[in-house]
Amino acid sequence: TIDEVVFAEPGDQVLLGARTLEGLNLTVDSARKKL
């Protein structure tokens, strides 16, 4: 997908956020800990 991404600074977490997940058409399978 194409999305807006934050320029994380040192010390920031590297995150895959909700907007990107929606654009990728992926969801969280919490039991198996995977997309």
Full PDB file with SEQRES, HELIX, SHEET, SSBOND, CRYST1, ORIGX, SCALE, CONECT and MASTER records, all heavy atoms in Angstrom:
SEQRES   1 A   35  THR ILE ASP GLU VAL VAL PHE ALA GLU PRO GLY ASP GLN          
SEQRES   2 A   35  VAL LEU LEU GLY ALA ARG THR LEU GLU GLY LEU ASN LEU          
SEQRES   3 A   35  THR VAL ASP SER ALA ARG LYS LYS LEU                          
HELIX    1 AA1 ALA A   18  LEU A   24  1                                   7    
CRYST1    1.000    1.000    1.000  90.00  90.00  90.00 P 1           1          
ORIGX1      1.000000  0.000000  0.000000        0.00000                         
ORIGX2      0.000000  1.000000  0.000000        0.00000                         
ORIGX3      0.000000  0.000000  1.000000        0.00000                         
SCALE1      1.000000  0.000000  0.000000        0.00000                         
SCALE2      0.000000  1.000000  0.000000        0.00000                         
SCALE3      0.000000  0.000000  1.000000        0.00000                         
ATOM      1  N   THR A   1       0.849  -1.181   0.000  1.00  0.00           N  
ATOM      2  CA  THR A   1       0.000   0.000   0.000  1.00  0.00           C  
ATOM      3  C   THR A   1       0.887   1.234   0.000  1.00  0.00           C  
ATOM      4  O   THR A   1       2.081   1.156   0.299  1.00  0.00           O  
ATOM      5  CB  THR A   1      -0.943   0.006   1.228  1.00  0.00           C  
ATOM      6  OG1 THR A   1      -1.927   1.038   1.069  1.00  0.00           O  
ATOM      7  CG2 THR A   1      -0.176   0.238   2.524  1.00  0.00           C  
ATOM      8  N   ILE A   2       0.320   2.368  -0.316  1.00  0.00           N  
ATOM      9  CA  ILE A   2       1.026   3.642  -0.138  1.00  0.00           C  
ATOM     10  C   ILE A   2       0.416   4.311   1.088  1.00  0.00           C  
ATOM     11  O   ILE A   2      -0.792   4.213   1.317  1.00  0.00           O  
ATOM     12  CB  ILE A   2       0.925   4.543  -1.383  1.00  0.00           C  
ATOM     13  CG1 ILE A   2       1.864   5.745  -1.249  1.00  0.00           C  
ATOM     14  CG2 ILE A   2      -0.497   4.962  -1.651  1.00  0.00           C  
ATOM     15  CD1 ILE A   2       2.092   6.517  -2.531  1.00  0.00           C  
ATOM     16  N   ASP A   3       1.274   4.928   1.888  1.00  0.00           N  
ATOM     17  CA  ASP A   3       0.763   5.524   3.128  1.00  0.00           C  
ATOM     18  C   ASP A   3       1.686   6.649   3.581  1.00  0.00           C  
ATOM     19  O   ASP A   3       2.803   6.802   3.085  1.00  0.00           O  
ATOM     20  CB  ASP A   3       0.672   4.462   4.225  1.00  0.00           C  
ATOM     21  CG  ASP A   3      -0.288   4.829   5.349  1.00  0.00           C  
ATOM     22  OD1 ASP A   3      -0.894   5.922   5.309  1.00  0.00           O  
ATOM     23  OD2 ASP A   3      -0.428   4.029   6.281  1.00  0.00           O  
ATOM     24  N   GLU A   4       1.193   7.411   4.547  1.00  0.00           N  
ATOM     25  CA  GLU A   4       2.012   8.403   5.220  1.00  0.00           C  
ATOM     26  C   GLU A   4       2.840   7.666   6.263  1.00  0.00           C  
ATOM     27  O   GLU A   4       2.316   6.786   6.953  1.00  0.00           O  
ATOM     28  CB  GLU A   4       1.130   9.462   5.878  1.00  0.00           C  
ATOM     29  CG  GLU A   4       0.322  10.246   4.858  1.00  0.00           C  
ATOM     30  CD  GLU A   4      -0.574  11.284   5.498  1.00  0.00           C  
ATOM     31  OE1 GLU A   4      -0.252  11.778   6.600  1.00  0.00           O  
ATOM     32  OE2 GLU A   4      -1.602  11.602   4.895  1.00  0.00           O  
ATOM     33  N   VAL A   5       4.126   8.006   6.352  1.00  0.00           N  
ATOM     34  CA  VAL A   5       5.019   7.374   7.325  1.00  0.00           C  
ATOM     35  C   VAL A   5       5.731   8.449   8.136  1.00  0.00           C  
ATOM     36  O   VAL A   5       6.097   9.493   7.616  1.00  0.00           O  
ATOM     37  CB  VAL A   5       6.052   6.444   6.650  1.00  0.00           C  
ATOM     38  CG1 VAL A   5       5.374   5.233   6.039  1.00  0.00           C  
ATOM     39  CG2 VAL A   5       6.868   7.174   5.598  1.00  0.00           C  
ATOM     40  N   VAL A   6       5.912   8.145   9.408  1.00  0.00           N  
ATOM     41  CA  VAL A   6       6.579   9.073  10.319  1.00  0.00           C  
ATOM     42  C   VAL A   6       8.084   8.833  10.258  1.00  0.00           C  
ATOM     43  O   VAL A   6       8.541   7.688  10.262  1.00  0.00           O  
ATOM     44  CB  VAL A   6       6.074   8.875  11.761  1.00  0.00           C  
ATOM     45  CG1 VAL A   6       6.841   9.762  12.743  1.00  0.00           C  
ATOM     46  CG2 VAL A   6       4.577   9.141  11.841  1.00  0.00           C  
ATOM     47  N   PHE A   7       8.852   9.907  10.201  1.00  0.00           N  
ATOM     48  CA  PHE A   7      10.310   9.856  10.296  1.00  0.00           C  
ATOM     49  C   PHE A   7      10.668   9.677  11.768  1.00  0.00           C  
ATOM     50  O   PHE A   7      10.796  10.645  12.514  1.00  0.00           O  
ATOM     51  CB  PHE A   7      10.933  11.144   9.760  1.00  0.00           C  
ATOM     52  CG  PHE A   7      10.966  11.249   8.267  1.00  0.00           C  
ATOM     53  CD1 PHE A   7       9.801  11.486   7.535  1.00  0.00           C  
ATOM     54  CD2 PHE A   7      12.161  11.116   7.577  1.00  0.00           C  
ATOM     55  CE1 PHE A   7       9.834  11.582   6.156  1.00  0.00           C  
ATOM     56  CE2 PHE A   7      12.201  11.210   6.202  1.00  0.00           C  
ATOM     57  CZ  PHE A   7      11.038  11.441   5.482  1.00  0.00           C  
ATOM     58  N   ALA A   8      10.788   8.417  12.197  1.00  0.00           N  
ATOM     59  CA  ALA A   8      11.090   8.124  13.598  1.00  0.00           C  
ATOM     60  C   ALA A   8      12.502   8.587  13.939  1.00  0.00           C  
ATOM     61  O   ALA A   8      13.418   8.488  13.118  1.00  0.00           O  
ATOM     62  CB  ALA A   8      10.938   6.633  13.860  1.00  0.00           C  
ATOM     63  N   GLU A   9      12.666   9.087  15.138  1.00  0.00           N  
ATOM     64  CA  GLU A   9      13.957   9.546  15.632  1.00  0.00           C  
ATOM     65  C   GLU A   9      14.575   8.479  16.527  1.00  0.00           C  
ATOM     66  O   GLU A   9      13.864   7.572  16.990  1.00  0.00           O  
ATOM     67  CB  GLU A   9      13.771  10.866  16.385  1.00  0.00           C  
ATOM     68  CG  GLU A   9      13.282  11.986  15.476  1.00  0.00           C  
ATOM     69  CD  GLU A   9      13.112  13.317  16.193  1.00  0.00           C  
ATOM     70  OE1 GLU A   9      13.392  13.394  17.418  1.00  0.00           O  
ATOM     71  OE2 GLU A   9      12.693  14.272  15.530  1.00  0.00           O  
ATOM     72  N   PRO A  10      15.882   8.581  16.790  1.00  0.00           N  
ATOM     73  CA  PRO A  10      16.511   7.608  17.695  1.00  0.00           C  
ATOM     74  C   PRO A  10      15.740   7.525  19.008  1.00  0.00           C  
ATOM     75  O   PRO A  10      15.343   8.544  19.579  1.00  0.00           O  
ATOM     76  CB  PRO A  10      17.916   8.176  17.894  1.00  0.00           C  
ATOM     77  CG  PRO A  10      18.187   8.937  16.624  1.00  0.00           C  
ATOM     78  CD  PRO A  10      16.848   9.549  16.255  1.00  0.00           C  
ATOM     79  N   GLY A  11      15.490   6.308  19.459  1.00  0.00           N  
ATOM     80  CA  GLY A  11      14.725   6.080  20.677  1.00  0.00           C  
ATOM     81  C   GLY A  11      13.249   5.823  20.434  1.00  0.00           C  
ATOM     82  O   GLY A  11      12.560   5.310  21.318  1.00  0.00           O  
ATOM     83  N   ASP A  12      12.741   6.198  19.250  1.00  0.00           N  
ATOM     84  CA  ASP A  12      11.347   5.925  18.915  1.00  0.00           C  
ATOM     85  C   ASP A  12      11.179   4.451  18.559  1.00  0.00           C  
ATOM     86  O   ASP A  12      12.093   3.831  18.007  1.00  0.00           O  
ATOM     87  CB  ASP A  12      10.888   6.756  17.705  1.00  0.00           C  
ATOM     88  CG  ASP A  12      10.760   8.235  17.989  1.00  0.00           C  
ATOM     89  OD1 ASP A  12      10.717   8.629  19.170  1.00  0.00           O  
ATOM     90  OD2 ASP A  12      10.697   9.008  17.006  1.00  0.00           O  
ATOM     91  N   GLN A  13       9.999   3.911  18.820  1.00  0.00           N  
ATOM     92  CA  GLN A  13       9.665   2.555  18.396  1.00  0.00           C  
ATOM     93  C   GLN A  13       9.462   2.538  16.878  1.00  0.00           C  
ATOM     94  O   GLN A  13       8.968   3.507  16.300  1.00  0.00           O  
ATOM     95  CB  GLN A  13       8.361   2.104  19.050  1.00  0.00           C  
ATOM     96  CG  GLN A  13       8.463   1.885  20.518  1.00  0.00           C  
ATOM     97  CD  GLN A  13       8.415   0.397  20.865  1.00  0.00           C  
ATOM     98  OE1 GLN A  13       8.453  -0.467  20.011  1.00  0.00           O  
ATOM     99  NE2 GLN A  13       8.322   0.130  22.129  1.00  0.00           N  
ATOM    100  N   VAL A  14       9.818   1.438  16.259  1.00  0.00           N  
ATOM    101  CA  VAL A  14       9.501   1.209  14.852  1.00  0.00           C  
ATOM    102  C   VAL A  14       8.155   0.497  14.846  1.00  0.00           C  
ATOM    103  O   VAL A  14       8.007  -0.579  15.432  1.00  0.00           O  
ATOM    104  CB  VAL A  14      10.592   0.363  14.159  1.00  0.00           C  
ATOM    105  CG1 VAL A  14      10.227   0.098  12.718  1.00  0.00           C  
ATOM    106  CG2 VAL A  14      11.938   1.065  14.260  1.00  0.00           C  
ATOM    107  N   LEU A  15       7.148   1.130  14.224  1.00  0.00           N  
ATOM    108  CA  LEU A  15       5.771   0.649  14.328  1.00  0.00           C  
ATOM    109  C   LEU A  15       5.137   0.446  12.964  1.00  0.00           C  
ATOM    110  O   LEU A  15       5.372   1.231  12.037  1.00  0.00           O  
ATOM    111  CB  LEU A  15       4.905   1.677  15.081  1.00  0.00           C  
ATOM    112  CG  LEU A  15       5.350   2.097  16.468  1.00  0.00           C  
ATOM    113  CD1 LEU A  15       4.481   3.253  16.963  1.00  0.00           C  
ATOM    114  CD2 LEU A  15       5.279   0.924  17.421  1.00  0.00           C  
ATOM    115  N   LEU A  16       4.304  -0.554  12.862  1.00  0.00           N  
ATOM    116  CA  LEU A  16       3.425  -0.750  11.711  1.00  0.00           C  
ATOM    117  C   LEU A  16       2.028  -0.421  12.221  1.00  0.00           C  
ATOM    118  O   LEU A  16       1.453  -1.160  13.019  1.00  0.00           O  
ATOM    119  CB  LEU A  16       3.504  -2.191  11.211  1.00  0.00           C  
ATOM    120  CG  LEU A  16       2.808  -2.477   9.892  1.00  0.00           C  
ATOM    121  CD1 LEU A  16       3.505  -1.728   8.749  1.00  0.00           C  
ATOM    122  CD2 LEU A  16       2.811  -3.968   9.601  1.00  0.00           C  
ATOM    123  N   GLY A  17       1.509   0.732  11.803  1.00  0.00           N  
ATOM    124  CA  GLY A  17       0.279   1.267  12.367  1.00  0.00           C  
ATOM    125  C   GLY A  17      -0.999   0.830  11.669  1.00  0.00           C  
ATOM    126  O   GLY A  17      -0.986   0.170  10.626  1.00  0.00           O  
ATOM    127  N   ALA A  18      -2.118   1.247  12.254  1.00  0.00           N  
ATOM    128  CA  ALA A  18      -3.448   0.822  11.822  1.00  0.00           C  
ATOM    129  C   ALA A  18      -3.771   1.250  10.392  1.00  0.00           C  
ATOM    130  O   ALA A  18      -4.382   0.485   9.642  1.00  0.00           O  
ATOM    131  CB  ALA A  18      -4.497   1.365  12.789  1.00  0.00           C  
ATOM    132  N   ARG A  19      -3.379   2.468  10.004  1.00  0.00           N  
ATOM    133  CA  ARG A  19      -3.692   2.922   8.643  1.00  0.00           C  
ATOM    134  C   ARG A  19      -3.013   2.038   7.614  1.00  0.00           C  
ATOM    135  O   ARG A  19      -3.611   1.676   6.603  1.00  0.00           O  
ATOM    136  CB  ARG A  19      -3.228   4.374   8.452  1.00  0.00           C  
ATOM    137  CG  ARG A  19      -4.067   5.375   9.190  1.00  0.00           C  
ATOM    138  CD  ARG A  19      -3.462   6.756   9.135  1.00  0.00           C  
ATOM    139  NE  ARG A  19      -2.912   7.075   7.825  1.00  0.00           N  
ATOM    140  CZ  ARG A  19      -3.034   8.257   7.235  1.00  0.00           C  
ATOM    141  NH1 ARG A  19      -3.672   9.224   7.850  1.00  0.00           N  
ATOM    142  NH2 ARG A  19      -2.496   8.481   6.072  1.00  0.00           N  
ATOM    143  N   THR A  20      -1.758   1.695   7.869  1.00  0.00           N  
ATOM    144  CA  THR A  20      -1.021   0.836   6.941  1.00  0.00           C  
ATOM    145  C   THR A  20      -1.644  -0.550   6.898  1.00  0.00           C  
ATOM    146  O   THR A  20      -1.824  -1.126   5.814  1.00  0.00           O  
ATOM    147  CB  THR A  20       0.461   0.760   7.331  1.00  0.00           C  
ATOM    148  OG1 THR A  20       1.019   2.082   7.311  1.00  0.00           O  
ATOM    149  CG2 THR A  20       1.240  -0.129   6.378  1.00  0.00           C  
ATOM    150  N   LEU A  21      -1.991  -1.094   8.061  1.00  0.00           N  
ATOM    151  CA  LEU A  21      -2.620  -2.419   8.101  1.00  0.00           C  
ATOM    152  C   LEU A  21      -3.909  -2.428   7.288  1.00  0.00           C  
ATOM    153  O   LEU A  21      -4.180  -3.367   6.541  1.00  0.00           O  
ATOM    154  CB  LEU A  21      -2.896  -2.851   9.540  1.00  0.00           C  
ATOM    155  CG  LEU A  21      -1.670  -3.162  10.376  1.00  0.00           C  
ATOM    156  CD1 LEU A  21      -2.068  -3.372  11.835  1.00  0.00           C  
ATOM    157  CD2 LEU A  21      -0.927  -4.367   9.842  1.00  0.00           C  
ATOM    158  N   GLU A  22      -4.689  -1.371   7.408  1.00  0.00           N  
ATOM    159  CA  GLU A  22      -5.933  -1.291   6.638  1.00  0.00           C  
ATOM    160  C   GLU A  22      -5.638  -1.219   5.147  1.00  0.00           C  
ATOM    161  O   GLU A  22      -6.276  -1.901   4.341  1.00  0.00           O  
ATOM    162  CB  GLU A  22      -6.754  -0.082   7.087  1.00  0.00           C  
ATOM    163  CG  GLU A  22      -8.121  -0.046   6.446  1.00  0.00           C  
ATOM    164  CD  GLU A  22      -9.023   1.014   7.048  1.00  0.00           C  
ATOM    165  OE1 GLU A  22      -8.922   1.286   8.256  1.00  0.00           O  
ATOM    166  OE2 GLU A  22      -9.839   1.564   6.292  1.00  0.00           O  
ATOM    167  N   GLY A  23      -4.660  -0.412   4.771  1.00  0.00           N  
ATOM    168  CA  GLY A  23      -4.280  -0.312   3.360  1.00  0.00           C  
ATOM    169  C   GLY A  23      -3.748  -1.624   2.803  1.00  0.00           C  
ATOM    170  O   GLY A  23      -3.962  -1.946   1.627  1.00  0.00           O  
ATOM    171  N   LEU A  24      -3.037  -2.373   3.637  1.00  0.00           N  
ATOM    172  CA  LEU A  24      -2.514  -3.681   3.226  1.00  0.00           C  
ATOM    173  C   LEU A  24      -3.613  -4.739   3.168  1.00  0.00           C  
ATOM    174  O   LEU A  24      -3.394  -5.831   2.657  1.00  0.00           O  
ATOM    175  CB  LEU A  24      -1.433  -4.147   4.212  1.00  0.00           C  
ATOM    176  CG  LEU A  24      -0.136  -3.336   4.249  1.00  0.00           C  
ATOM    177  CD1 LEU A  24       0.683  -3.731   5.476  1.00  0.00           C  
ATOM    178  CD2 LEU A  24       0.657  -3.522   2.974  1.00  0.00           C  
ATOM    179  N   ASN A  25      -4.781  -4.419   3.733  1.00  0.00           N  
ATOM    180  CA  ASN A  25      -5.896  -5.357   3.881  1.00  0.00           C  
ATOM    181  C   ASN A  25      -5.470  -6.582   4.699  1.00  0.00           C  
ATOM    182  O   ASN A  25      -5.781  -7.716   4.360  1.00  0.00           O  
ATOM    183  CB  ASN A  25      -6.494  -5.767   2.532  1.00  0.00           C  
ATOM    184  CG  ASN A  25      -7.850  -6.415   2.681  1.00  0.00           C  
ATOM    185  OD1 ASN A  25      -8.616  -6.067   3.572  1.00  0.00           O  
ATOM    186  ND2 ASN A  25      -8.149  -7.366   1.823  1.00  0.00           N  
ATOM    187  N   LEU A  26      -4.730  -6.277   5.784  1.00  0.00           N  
ATOM    188  CA  LEU A  26      -4.302  -7.325   6.713  1.00  0.00           C  
ATOM    189  C   LEU A  26      -4.907  -7.043   8.080  1.00  0.00           C  
ATOM    190  O   LEU A  26      -5.155  -5.883   8.436  1.00  0.00           O  
ATOM    191  CB  LEU A  26      -2.776  -7.352   6.831  1.00  0.00           C  
ATOM    192  CG  LEU A  26      -2.008  -7.699   5.564  1.00  0.00           C  
ATOM    193  CD1 LEU A  26      -0.509  -7.555   5.785  1.00  0.00           C  
ATOM    194  CD2 LEU A  26      -2.350  -9.114   5.087  1.00  0.00           C  
ATOM    195  N   THR A  27      -5.125  -8.100   8.838  1.00  0.00           N  
ATOM    196  CA  THR A  27      -5.643  -7.967  10.194  1.00  0.00           C  
ATOM    197  C   THR A  27      -4.797  -8.823  11.128  1.00  0.00           C  
ATOM    198  O   THR A  27      -4.070  -9.710  10.678  1.00  0.00           O  
ATOM    199  CB  THR A  27      -7.141  -8.364  10.255  1.00  0.00           C  
ATOM    200  OG1 THR A  27      -7.674  -7.995  11.525  1.00  0.00           O  
ATOM    201  CG2 THR A  27      -7.348  -9.847  10.007  1.00  0.00           C  
ATOM    202  N   VAL A  28      -4.917  -8.552  12.404  1.00  0.00           N  
ATOM    203  CA  VAL A  28      -4.125  -9.252  13.406  1.00  0.00           C  
ATOM    204  C   VAL A  28      -4.825 -10.544  13.826  1.00  0.00           C  
ATOM    205  O   VAL A  28      -5.994 -10.528  14.205  1.00  0.00           O  
ATOM    206  CB  VAL A  28      -3.904  -8.351  14.642  1.00  0.00           C  
ATOM    207  CG1 VAL A  28      -3.234  -9.113  15.769  1.00  0.00           C  
ATOM    208  CG2 VAL A  28      -3.098  -7.115  14.259  1.00  0.00           C  
ATOM    209  N   ASP A  29      -4.092 -11.649  13.750  1.00  0.00           N  
ATOM    210  CA  ASP A  29      -4.532 -12.915  14.349  1.00  0.00           C  
ATOM    211  C   ASP A  29      -3.798 -12.991  15.678  1.00  0.00           C  
ATOM    212  O   ASP A  29      -2.636 -13.390  15.741  1.00  0.00           O  
ATOM    213  CB  ASP A  29      -4.168 -14.096  13.445  1.00  0.00           C  
ATOM    214  CG  ASP A  29      -4.600 -15.440  14.018  1.00  0.00           C  
ATOM    215  OD1 ASP A  29      -4.718 -15.560  15.259  1.00  0.00           O  
ATOM    216  OD2 ASP A  29      -4.792 -16.376  13.226  1.00  0.00           O  
ATOM    217  N   SER A  30      -4.482 -12.567  16.746  1.00  0.00           N  
ATOM    218  CA  SER A  30      -3.816 -12.447  18.051  1.00  0.00           C  
ATOM    219  C   SER A  30      -3.439 -13.800  18.641  1.00  0.00           C  
ATOM    220  O   SER A  30      -2.453 -13.903  19.364  1.00  0.00           O  
ATOM    221  CB  SER A  30      -4.666 -11.650  19.028  1.00  0.00           C  
ATOM    222  OG  SER A  30      -5.943 -12.217  19.161  1.00  0.00           O  
ATOM    223  N   ALA A  31      -4.198 -14.840  18.340  1.00  0.00           N  
ATOM    224  CA  ALA A  31      -3.879 -16.165  18.880  1.00  0.00           C  
ATOM    225  C   ALA A  31      -2.565 -16.692  18.312  1.00  0.00           C  
ATOM    226  O   ALA A  31      -1.764 -17.287  19.027  1.00  0.00           O  
ATOM    227  CB  ALA A  31      -5.012 -17.150  18.581  1.00  0.00           C  
ATOM    228  N   ARG A  32      -2.354 -16.457  17.020  1.00  0.00           N  
ATOM    229  CA  ARG A  32      -1.134 -16.955  16.373  1.00  0.00           C  
ATOM    230  C   ARG A  32      -0.046 -15.888  16.252  1.00  0.00           C  
ATOM    231  O   ARG A  32       1.032 -16.157  15.740  1.00  0.00           O  
ATOM    232  CB  ARG A  32      -1.465 -17.525  14.997  1.00  0.00           C  
ATOM    233  CG  ARG A  32      -2.381 -18.733  15.092  1.00  0.00           C  
ATOM    234  CD  ARG A  32      -2.591 -19.411  13.765  1.00  0.00           C  
ATOM    235  NE  ARG A  32      -3.265 -18.519  12.816  1.00  0.00           N  
ATOM    236  CZ  ARG A  32      -3.370 -18.753  11.520  1.00  0.00           C  
ATOM    237  NH1 ARG A  32      -2.857 -19.821  10.990  1.00  0.00           N  
ATOM    238  NH2 ARG A  32      -4.011 -17.906  10.747  1.00  0.00           N  
ATOM    239  N   LYS A  33      -0.364 -14.669  16.712  1.00  0.00           N  
ATOM    240  CA  LYS A  33       0.577 -13.551  16.655  1.00  0.00           C  
ATOM    241  C   LYS A  33       1.165 -13.386  15.256  1.00  0.00           C  
ATOM    242  O   LYS A  33       2.380 -13.433  15.042  1.00  0.00           O  
ATOM    243  CB  LYS A  33       1.686 -13.700  17.701  1.00  0.00           C  
ATOM    244  CG  LYS A  33       1.171 -13.584  19.110  1.00  0.00           C  
ATOM    245  CD  LYS A  33       2.296 -13.520  20.112  1.00  0.00           C  
ATOM    246  CE  LYS A  33       1.727 -13.323  21.494  1.00  0.00           C  
ATOM    247  NZ  LYS A  33       2.747 -13.139  22.483  1.00  0.00           N  
ATOM    248  N   LYS A  34       0.253 -13.161  14.305  1.00  0.00           N  
ATOM    249  CA  LYS A  34       0.680 -12.923  12.929  1.00  0.00           C  
ATOM    250  C   LYS A  34      -0.384 -12.119  12.199  1.00  0.00           C  
ATOM    251  O   LYS A  34      -1.515 -11.980  12.678  1.00  0.00           O  
ATOM    252  CB  LYS A  34       0.978 -14.235  12.211  1.00  0.00           C  
ATOM    253  CG  LYS A  34      -0.206 -15.151  12.030  1.00  0.00           C  
ATOM    254  CD  LYS A  34       0.191 -16.473  11.407  1.00  0.00           C  
ATOM    255  CE  LYS A  34      -0.011 -16.427   9.917  1.00  0.00           C  
ATOM    256  NZ  LYS A  34       0.238 -17.678   9.221  1.00  0.00           N  
ATOM    257  N   LEU A  35      -0.002 -11.587  11.058  1.00  0.00           N  
ATOM    258  CA  LEU A  35      -0.939 -10.865  10.212  1.00  0.00           C  
ATOM    259  C   LEU A  35      -1.539 -11.846   9.207  1.00  0.00           C  
ATOM    260  O   LEU A  35      -0.848 -12.701   8.670  1.00  0.00           O  
ATOM    261  CB  LEU A  35      -0.224  -9.730   9.480  1.00  0.00           C  
ATOM    262  CG  LEU A  35       0.348  -8.640  10.371  1.00  0.00           C  
ATOM    263  CD1 LEU A  35       1.148  -7.641   9.558  1.00  0.00           C  
ATOM    264  CD2 LEU A  35      -0.773  -7.932  11.131  1.00  0.00           C  
TER     265      LEU A  35                                                      
MASTER        0    0    0    1    0    0    0    6  264    1    0    3          
END                                                                             
